[in-house]
Protein backbone atom coordinates (compact mmCIF):
# COMPACT_ATOMS: atom_id res chain seq x y z
CA UNK A 1 112.91 148.77 51.07
CA UNK A 2 114.00 149.61 47.36
CA UNK A 3 111.30 148.45 45.04
CA UNK A 4 112.04 148.21 41.40
CA UNK A 5 108.76 148.01 39.39
CA UNK A 6 109.12 147.02 35.70
CA UNK A 7 106.04 147.94 33.57
CA UNK A 8 106.34 148.85 30.08
CA UNK A 9 103.06 150.99 29.94
CA UNK A 10 103.32 152.62 33.31
CA UNK A 11 101.77 156.21 33.19
CA UNK A 12 100.58 158.82 35.61
CA UNK A 13 97.40 160.87 36.00
CA UNK A 14 98.62 163.49 33.51
CA UNK A 15 100.02 161.07 30.86
CA UNK A 16 97.10 158.72 31.11
CA UNK A 17 96.90 154.98 31.43
CA UNK A 18 98.34 152.96 32.93
CA UNK A 19 97.69 154.17 36.46
CA UNK A 20 98.08 151.26 38.64
CA UNK A 21 102.00 151.40 39.02
CA UNK A 22 101.66 155.21 39.86
CA UNK A 23 99.12 154.80 42.53
CA UNK A 24 100.88 151.93 44.09
CA UNK A 25 104.20 153.49 44.14
CA UNK A 26 102.73 156.75 45.66
CA UNK A 27 101.29 154.71 48.49
CA UNK A 28 104.75 152.77 48.94
CA UNK A 29 106.62 155.97 49.10
CA UNK A 30 104.16 157.34 51.82
CA UNK A 31 105.31 154.40 53.72
CA UNK A 32 108.91 155.35 53.46
CA UNK A 33 109.94 153.02 50.82
CA UNK A 34 112.12 153.92 47.62
CA UNK A 35 110.27 153.18 44.32
CA UNK A 36 111.78 153.10 41.00
CA UNK A 37 109.56 152.43 37.81
CA UNK A 38 111.10 151.18 34.54
CA UNK A 39 108.84 152.07 31.62
CA UNK A 40 108.78 152.39 27.90
CA UNK A 41 108.74 155.92 26.34
CA UNK A 42 106.02 154.87 24.06
CA UNK A 43 102.69 153.42 25.11
CA UNK A 44 99.29 153.23 22.92
CA UNK A 45 97.36 153.58 26.19
CA UNK A 46 98.85 156.95 27.21
CA UNK A 47 97.17 160.18 26.34
CA UNK A 48 100.70 161.75 26.42
CA UNK A 49 103.95 160.03 26.03
CA UNK A 50 107.37 161.40 27.42
CA UNK A 51 109.84 163.00 25.19
CA UNK A 52 112.93 160.74 25.41
CA UNK A 53 116.22 160.92 23.62
CA UNK A 54 118.07 158.15 25.11
CA UNK A 55 117.66 154.83 27.17
CA UNK A 56 117.46 155.05 30.80
CA UNK A 57 116.35 158.69 31.12
CA UNK A 58 115.31 159.53 34.63
CA UNK A 59 112.36 161.65 35.59
CA UNK A 60 110.74 162.40 39.03
CA UNK A 61 106.94 162.45 38.82
CA UNK A 62 105.12 163.04 42.08
CA UNK A 63 108.04 161.93 44.12
CA UNK A 64 108.38 158.62 41.90
CA UNK A 65 111.53 157.87 40.00
CA UNK A 66 110.71 156.91 36.46
CA UNK A 67 113.44 155.50 34.22
CA UNK A 68 112.36 155.65 30.57
CA UNK A 69 113.57 153.19 28.04
CA UNK A 70 113.44 154.56 24.41
CA UNK A 71 110.91 152.24 22.63
CA UNK A 72 109.48 152.50 19.08
CA UNK A 73 106.08 153.80 18.46
CA UNK A 74 103.40 151.81 16.82
CA UNK A 75 99.68 152.13 15.51
CA UNK A 76 98.19 148.68 16.08
CA UNK A 77 98.59 145.26 17.39
CA UNK A 78 100.99 144.03 14.79
CA UNK A 79 104.69 143.50 14.38
CA UNK A 80 105.69 146.99 15.38
CA UNK A 81 104.14 146.70 18.76
CA UNK A 82 105.75 143.17 19.23
CA UNK A 83 109.20 144.57 18.33
CA UNK A 84 108.56 147.41 20.98
CA UNK A 85 108.07 144.77 23.61
CA UNK A 86 111.37 142.97 22.36
CA UNK A 87 113.24 146.37 22.48
CA UNK A 88 112.01 147.20 26.07
CA UNK A 89 112.87 143.64 27.50
CA UNK A 90 116.23 143.23 25.56
CA UNK A 91 117.72 146.59 26.87
CA UNK A 92 116.70 145.73 30.30
CA UNK A 93 118.21 142.39 30.20
CA UNK A 94 121.53 143.65 28.57
CA UNK A 95 121.76 146.39 31.35
CA UNK A 96 120.75 144.17 34.36
CA UNK A 97 123.94 144.50 36.16
CA UNK A 98 124.10 148.45 35.84
CA UNK A 99 120.47 148.44 37.11
CA UNK A 100 121.11 146.15 39.99
CA UNK A 101 124.10 148.23 40.89
CA UNK A 102 122.46 151.61 40.48
CA UNK A 103 119.10 150.92 42.18
CA UNK A 104 120.11 148.12 44.61
CA UNK A 105 116.54 146.54 44.82
CA UNK A 106 115.13 144.76 47.57
CA UNK A 107 112.58 143.33 45.38
CA UNK A 108 111.89 143.37 41.75
CA UNK A 109 108.37 143.21 40.15
CA UNK A 110 107.43 142.45 36.67
CA UNK A 111 104.26 144.43 36.39
CA UNK A 112 103.43 142.35 33.32
CA UNK A 113 100.98 143.39 30.58
CA UNK A 114 102.86 140.70 28.50
CA UNK A 115 105.08 137.94 29.67
CA UNK A 116 108.53 138.67 28.16
CA UNK A 117 109.47 141.00 30.88
CA UNK A 118 109.94 138.18 33.18
CA UNK A 119 113.23 137.42 31.84
CA UNK A 120 114.94 140.62 32.57
CA UNK A 121 113.05 140.97 35.97
CA UNK A 122 114.38 137.53 36.98
CA UNK A 123 117.91 138.44 35.69
CA UNK A 124 118.10 141.69 37.88
CA UNK A 125 116.54 139.80 40.97
CA UNK A 126 119.15 137.12 40.84
CA UNK A 127 122.18 139.53 40.36
CA UNK A 128 120.71 141.53 43.23
CA UNK A 129 119.98 138.28 45.26
CA UNK A 130 116.44 139.58 46.16
CA UNK A 131 112.84 138.58 45.98
CA UNK A 132 111.18 138.58 42.48
CA UNK A 133 107.34 139.02 42.19
CA UNK A 134 105.38 138.60 39.00
CA UNK A 135 102.30 140.89 38.73
CA UNK A 136 99.97 139.36 36.04
CA UNK A 137 97.55 142.06 34.53
CA UNK A 138 96.24 139.58 31.91
CA UNK A 139 96.44 135.98 31.05
CA UNK A 140 98.90 135.88 28.19
CA UNK A 141 98.92 133.97 25.71
CA UNK A 142 95.41 132.84 26.58
CA UNK A 143 94.01 136.12 25.63
CA UNK A 144 95.52 136.03 22.19
CA UNK A 145 94.03 132.55 21.49
CA UNK A 146 90.63 132.93 23.19
CA UNK A 147 89.95 136.57 22.17
CA UNK A 148 92.38 137.35 19.39
CA UNK A 149 91.71 134.07 17.66
CA UNK A 150 95.42 133.19 17.26
CA UNK A 151 96.48 129.56 16.80
CA UNK A 152 97.93 128.03 20.00
CA UNK A 153 100.75 126.81 17.80
CA UNK A 154 101.62 130.28 16.49
CA UNK A 155 105.43 130.91 17.44
CA UNK A 156 104.55 134.02 19.20
CA UNK A 157 101.86 132.42 21.15
CA UNK A 158 104.50 129.61 22.00
CA UNK A 159 107.06 132.10 23.12
CA UNK A 160 104.70 133.90 25.34
CA UNK A 161 103.43 130.71 26.69
CA UNK A 162 107.08 129.65 27.52
CA UNK A 163 107.92 132.96 29.37
CA UNK A 164 104.44 132.78 31.23
CA UNK A 165 105.46 129.32 32.64
CA UNK A 166 108.99 130.65 33.62
CA UNK A 167 107.41 133.51 35.43
CA UNK A 168 104.83 131.45 37.56
CA UNK A 169 107.50 128.91 38.29
CA UNK A 170 110.56 131.08 39.28
CA UNK A 171 108.89 133.91 41.15
CA UNK A 172 108.79 134.16 44.81
CA UNK A 173 105.24 135.40 44.72
CA UNK A 174 102.59 135.87 41.90
CA UNK A 175 99.95 138.73 42.08
CA UNK A 176 96.89 138.58 39.85
CA UNK A 177 94.25 141.19 39.35
CA UNK A 178 91.72 138.44 38.90
CA UNK A 179 90.25 136.42 41.78
CA UNK A 180 90.20 133.14 39.96
CA UNK A 181 93.35 133.36 37.78
CA UNK A 182 94.89 130.73 40.01
CA UNK A 183 92.85 128.07 38.12
CA UNK A 184 94.87 128.91 34.95
CA UNK A 185 98.18 129.53 36.67
CA UNK A 186 98.35 126.27 38.57
CA UNK A 187 98.10 124.55 35.22
CA UNK A 188 100.99 126.65 33.70
CA UNK A 189 103.80 126.68 36.17
CA UNK A 190 102.45 127.94 39.45
CA UNK A 191 103.59 125.40 41.88
CA UNK A 192 101.26 126.12 45.00
CA UNK A 193 98.58 128.46 46.16
CA UNK A 194 100.91 129.74 48.89
CA UNK A 195 102.61 131.93 46.24
CA UNK A 196 99.29 133.39 44.68
CA UNK A 197 97.63 136.66 45.84
CA UNK A 198 94.68 138.58 44.22
CA UNK A 199 95.17 142.26 44.37
CA UNK A 200 92.80 144.11 42.13
CA UNK A 201 92.71 147.71 40.75
CA UNK A 202 91.23 150.43 42.83
CA UNK A 203 90.79 154.18 43.41
CA UNK A 204 93.15 156.91 44.73
CA UNK A 205 91.35 158.72 47.40
CA UNK A 206 93.37 161.79 46.96
CA UNK A 207 91.82 162.34 43.41
CA UNK A 208 88.42 162.54 44.77
CA UNK A 209 87.48 165.86 46.25
CA UNK A 210 84.84 166.27 48.81
CA UNK A 211 81.39 166.76 47.75
CA UNK A 212 81.27 170.47 48.45
CA UNK A 213 84.36 170.98 46.15
CA UNK A 214 82.98 169.22 43.06
CA UNK A 215 81.38 172.36 41.76
CA UNK A 216 84.69 174.03 41.74
CA UNK A 217 86.45 171.07 40.00
CA UNK A 218 83.57 171.22 37.53
CA UNK A 219 84.71 174.41 36.50
CA UNK A 220 88.17 173.00 35.36
CA UNK A 221 86.34 170.57 33.01
CA UNK A 222 87.46 171.09 29.34
CA UNK A 223 84.98 173.61 27.78
CA UNK A 224 83.41 171.14 25.29
CA UNK A 225 82.50 168.73 28.07
CA UNK A 226 81.19 171.49 30.23
CA UNK A 227 78.96 173.09 27.77
CA UNK A 228 77.31 169.83 26.60
CA UNK A 229 76.53 168.68 30.23
CA UNK A 230 75.16 172.09 31.21
CA UNK A 231 72.93 172.25 28.12
CA UNK A 232 71.57 168.65 28.71
CA UNK A 233 71.01 169.41 32.43
CA UNK A 234 69.17 172.65 31.50
CA UNK A 235 67.06 170.73 28.96
CA UNK A 236 66.04 168.45 31.92
CA UNK A 237 67.76 165.25 30.25
CA UNK A 238 68.41 162.02 32.10
CA UNK A 239 72.11 161.61 31.31
CA UNK A 240 73.50 157.95 30.87
CA UNK A 241 77.21 158.30 30.60
CA UNK A 242 80.02 155.86 29.69
CA UNK A 243 83.81 156.80 30.29
CA UNK A 244 86.70 154.89 29.03
CA UNK A 245 87.99 153.14 26.17
CA UNK A 246 86.15 152.62 22.78
CA UNK A 247 87.13 149.04 21.74
CA UNK A 248 85.04 146.13 20.52
CA UNK A 249 85.52 144.51 23.96
CA UNK A 250 83.65 147.51 25.57
CA UNK A 251 80.31 146.62 23.85
CA UNK A 252 79.49 150.14 23.21
CA UNK A 253 77.65 149.12 19.98
CA UNK A 254 74.79 147.80 22.20
CA UNK A 255 74.75 151.15 23.99
CA UNK A 256 74.28 152.71 20.53
CA UNK A 257 71.33 150.31 19.74
CA UNK A 258 69.81 151.20 23.18
CA UNK A 259 69.83 154.87 22.14
CA UNK A 260 68.26 153.85 18.82
CA UNK A 261 65.39 152.01 20.68
CA UNK A 262 64.82 155.01 23.02
CA UNK A 263 65.18 157.86 20.28
CA UNK A 264 61.53 158.81 20.96
CA UNK A 265 62.14 159.08 24.89
CA UNK A 266 63.34 162.71 24.25
CA UNK A 267 64.23 163.14 27.91
CA UNK A 268 67.21 160.57 27.71
CA UNK A 269 70.60 161.35 26.58
CA UNK A 270 73.69 159.26 26.04
CA UNK A 271 77.28 160.72 26.61
CA UNK A 272 80.40 158.64 25.62
CA UNK A 273 83.68 160.17 26.81
CA UNK A 274 86.93 158.47 25.78
CA UNK A 275 88.82 157.33 22.71
CA UNK A 276 89.81 154.07 20.91
CA UNK A 277 89.81 152.15 17.63
CA UNK A 278 86.02 151.92 17.64
CA UNK A 279 85.10 155.52 18.25
CA UNK A 280 84.93 156.74 14.48
CA UNK A 281 82.93 153.59 13.49
CA UNK A 282 80.38 154.16 16.34
CA UNK A 283 79.96 157.77 15.61
CA UNK A 284 79.25 156.99 12.02
CA UNK A 285 76.81 154.45 12.86
CA UNK A 286 74.87 156.95 15.18
CA UNK A 287 75.06 159.52 12.51
CA UNK A 288 73.71 157.09 9.81
CA UNK A 289 70.80 156.19 12.30
CA UNK A 290 70.05 159.95 12.82
CA UNK A 291 70.49 159.55 16.55
CA UNK A 292 70.49 163.11 18.08
CA UNK A 293 70.39 161.72 21.58
CA UNK A 294 73.94 160.53 21.69
CA UNK A 295 77.13 162.57 21.93
CA UNK A 296 80.76 161.60 21.86
CA UNK A 297 83.46 163.60 23.67
CA UNK A 298 87.28 163.37 23.85
CA UNK A 299 88.89 161.58 26.73
CA UNK A 300 89.77 163.63 29.83
CA UNK A 301 92.36 163.91 32.32
CA UNK A 302 92.14 161.40 35.27
CA UNK A 303 91.91 164.21 37.72
CA UNK A 304 88.72 165.68 36.05
CA UNK A 305 86.84 162.33 36.19
CA UNK A 306 85.02 163.12 39.57
CA UNK A 307 83.81 166.43 38.33
CA UNK A 308 82.55 164.90 35.01
CA UNK A 309 80.79 161.78 36.59
CA UNK A 310 79.06 164.07 38.93
CA UNK A 311 76.70 165.45 36.15
CA UNK A 312 75.44 161.94 35.20
CA UNK A 313 72.37 160.27 36.36
CA UNK A 314 73.38 156.71 35.44
CA UNK A 315 76.75 155.17 34.46
CA UNK A 316 77.07 152.34 31.76
CA UNK A 317 79.89 149.67 31.79
CA UNK A 318 79.47 146.62 29.36
CA UNK A 319 81.78 143.98 27.97
CA UNK A 320 81.34 141.55 25.27
CA UNK A 321 80.87 137.97 26.51
CA UNK A 322 84.15 136.35 26.91
CA UNK A 323 85.28 132.93 28.29
CA UNK A 324 88.27 134.76 29.81
CA UNK A 325 86.02 136.37 32.20
CA UNK A 326 85.60 132.99 34.06
CA UNK A 327 88.54 134.12 35.87
CA UNK A 328 87.19 137.41 36.96
CA UNK A 329 87.58 141.00 35.83
CA UNK A 330 89.14 144.26 37.45
CA UNK A 331 87.89 147.22 35.58
CA UNK A 332 89.44 150.69 36.53
CA UNK A 333 86.13 152.39 35.42
CA UNK A 334 84.02 150.26 37.59
CA UNK A 335 85.89 151.49 40.67
CA UNK A 336 85.63 155.13 39.49
CA UNK A 337 81.97 154.83 38.86
CA UNK A 338 81.25 153.30 42.24
CA UNK A 339 83.29 156.22 43.85
CA UNK A 340 81.32 158.88 42.16
CA UNK A 341 78.10 157.58 43.96
CA UNK A 342 76.07 157.03 40.89
CA UNK A 343 74.02 154.09 39.93
CA UNK A 344 75.50 151.70 37.61
CA UNK A 345 74.09 149.62 34.65
CA UNK A 346 76.41 146.55 34.56
CA UNK A 347 76.45 144.54 31.44
CA UNK A 348 79.24 142.27 32.26
CA UNK A 349 79.20 138.40 32.54
CA UNK A 350 82.27 137.49 35.00
CA UNK A 351 83.27 135.32 37.82
CA UNK A 352 83.09 138.27 40.17
CA UNK A 353 80.36 141.06 40.36
CA UNK A 354 81.10 144.13 42.58
CA UNK A 355 77.87 145.86 41.47
CA UNK A 356 75.75 142.84 42.73
CA UNK A 357 77.74 142.58 45.94
CA UNK A 358 77.46 146.26 46.67
CA UNK A 359 73.79 146.52 45.51
CA UNK A 360 74.66 149.81 43.73
CA UNK A 361 73.15 149.35 40.25
CA UNK A 362 71.22 146.90 37.87
CA UNK A 363 73.06 144.00 36.55
CA UNK A 364 71.81 142.93 33.13
CA UNK A 365 72.74 140.23 30.34
CA UNK A 366 75.75 141.55 28.16
CA UNK A 367 75.10 142.34 24.50
CA UNK A 368 71.38 143.09 25.15
CA UNK A 369 70.33 146.60 24.10
CA UNK A 370 66.61 146.07 25.22
CA UNK A 371 67.97 145.26 28.72
CA UNK A 372 70.15 148.31 28.67
CA UNK A 373 66.95 150.52 27.83
CA UNK A 374 64.90 148.73 30.50
CA UNK A 375 67.50 149.27 33.09
CA UNK A 376 67.61 153.16 32.15
CA UNK A 377 64.01 153.27 32.41
CA UNK A 378 64.01 151.46 35.85
CA UNK A 379 66.55 153.89 37.23
CA UNK A 380 64.91 156.92 35.71
CA UNK A 381 61.62 155.80 37.53
CA UNK A 382 63.36 155.94 40.91
CA UNK A 383 63.36 159.14 42.88
CA UNK A 384 66.36 160.96 43.09
CA UNK A 385 66.67 160.00 46.81
CA UNK A 386 66.63 156.41 45.76
CA UNK A 387 69.23 156.67 43.12
CA UNK A 388 71.51 158.51 45.56
CA UNK A 389 71.08 155.76 48.24
CA UNK A 390 71.97 153.16 45.56
CA UNK A 391 75.04 155.16 44.49
CA UNK A 392 76.20 155.61 48.09
CA UNK A 393 76.25 151.86 48.62
CA UNK A 394 78.74 151.55 45.70
CA UNK A 395 80.95 154.40 47.26
CA UNK A 396 80.97 152.75 50.74
CA UNK A 397 82.01 149.40 48.91
CA UNK A 398 84.82 150.72 47.02
CA UNK A 399 86.32 152.61 49.86
CA UNK A 400 86.24 149.32 51.97
CA UNK A 401 87.70 147.07 49.38
CA UNK A 402 89.36 149.04 46.61
CA UNK A 403 91.15 152.12 48.18
CA UNK A 404 94.90 151.91 46.97
CA UNK A 405 96.03 152.52 50.51
CA UNK A 406 94.65 149.12 51.35
CA UNK A 407 95.76 147.50 48.22
CA UNK A 408 99.22 148.76 48.56
CA UNK A 409 99.44 147.62 52.07
CA UNK A 410 98.37 144.10 50.91
CA UNK A 411 101.08 144.20 48.37
CA UNK A 412 103.81 145.13 50.85
CA UNK A 413 102.82 142.26 53.05
CA UNK A 414 103.48 139.88 50.03
CA UNK A 415 107.02 141.61 49.58
CA UNK A 416 107.75 141.23 53.28
CA UNK A 417 106.75 137.49 53.64
């Protein structure tokens, strides 16, 4: 099967987010399929963007054919980013015949982080006389309205809504990362549940070394990260770690407040690894409060995640309360956390709850620093054996449900139906 996968922000372990297209493509290639990913040359999610001089530049990354569309850079969620979306979709639409002729797709997937990519994807599928699948990463434009506060009558919201309905109505199948997204989709173009499947994010087992090799991988950590973690371990600190984006939605301000509450508990340290628009503000708040128990580190390559998490005693994930979570969540960091076999403090209110299902951590109310601190004390009071057992339950659960080998196979079944 020739799979054409269109995702503006597709990345790789070396480049950084977004990882899902890479992991699925790797598994499909292992099954003997040909995969072409069409992506934009610039993404705000990537740590490293490709250098592209012209449209439709091809590059092979770990056996996957990437086709880069030259897109403009941007620094925020404004007009420049919107124009980058338009550039990407317009160029693919105009070249649909050439794309169809060259790559001869058996199936076209719009792996949609916004809805406009449905138009070029539908056009290529029609020319190629093949199946078209729409994979919805988020619910646009609902996110703009409920989270961004935009009016539902804003022209951009209306345009996105029109594209969303077209995608749900005209696709042969719809994939969602969220278990209850069908409740929204059925009201916005999805004609029946037979077209709907939920395939969440997951973990790539090949990135996780066996336990006896973690020490060797740890030596390859960036010096700044390794030196801090070694010092904290030598000093006997209980390390609470967060790994991921630093945005308002990640609710890290409440972790800062928990650090303030625990400032007199000298054996507890907080380590935040990653980057984002909120990082400077959070760092300034911690400095103004004189918090010597919290440390900010730069982001790391995906391949170094197992080694870094191996040094933590507990892992934090939080999210601001949002009505969008009534459809569910699928957070990459949660699956990495579970795979690390460390206990998790989970401050997210959503329709699904893997931490509760797996019994691999403590579930608390979001936006509540007192509960974060109490959860830390509760985990700290457990024996190391009890924490290890809790963490192992998470690892067993993620291997059973969120291994990309399993997820890619489910996706193939949808393609072949």
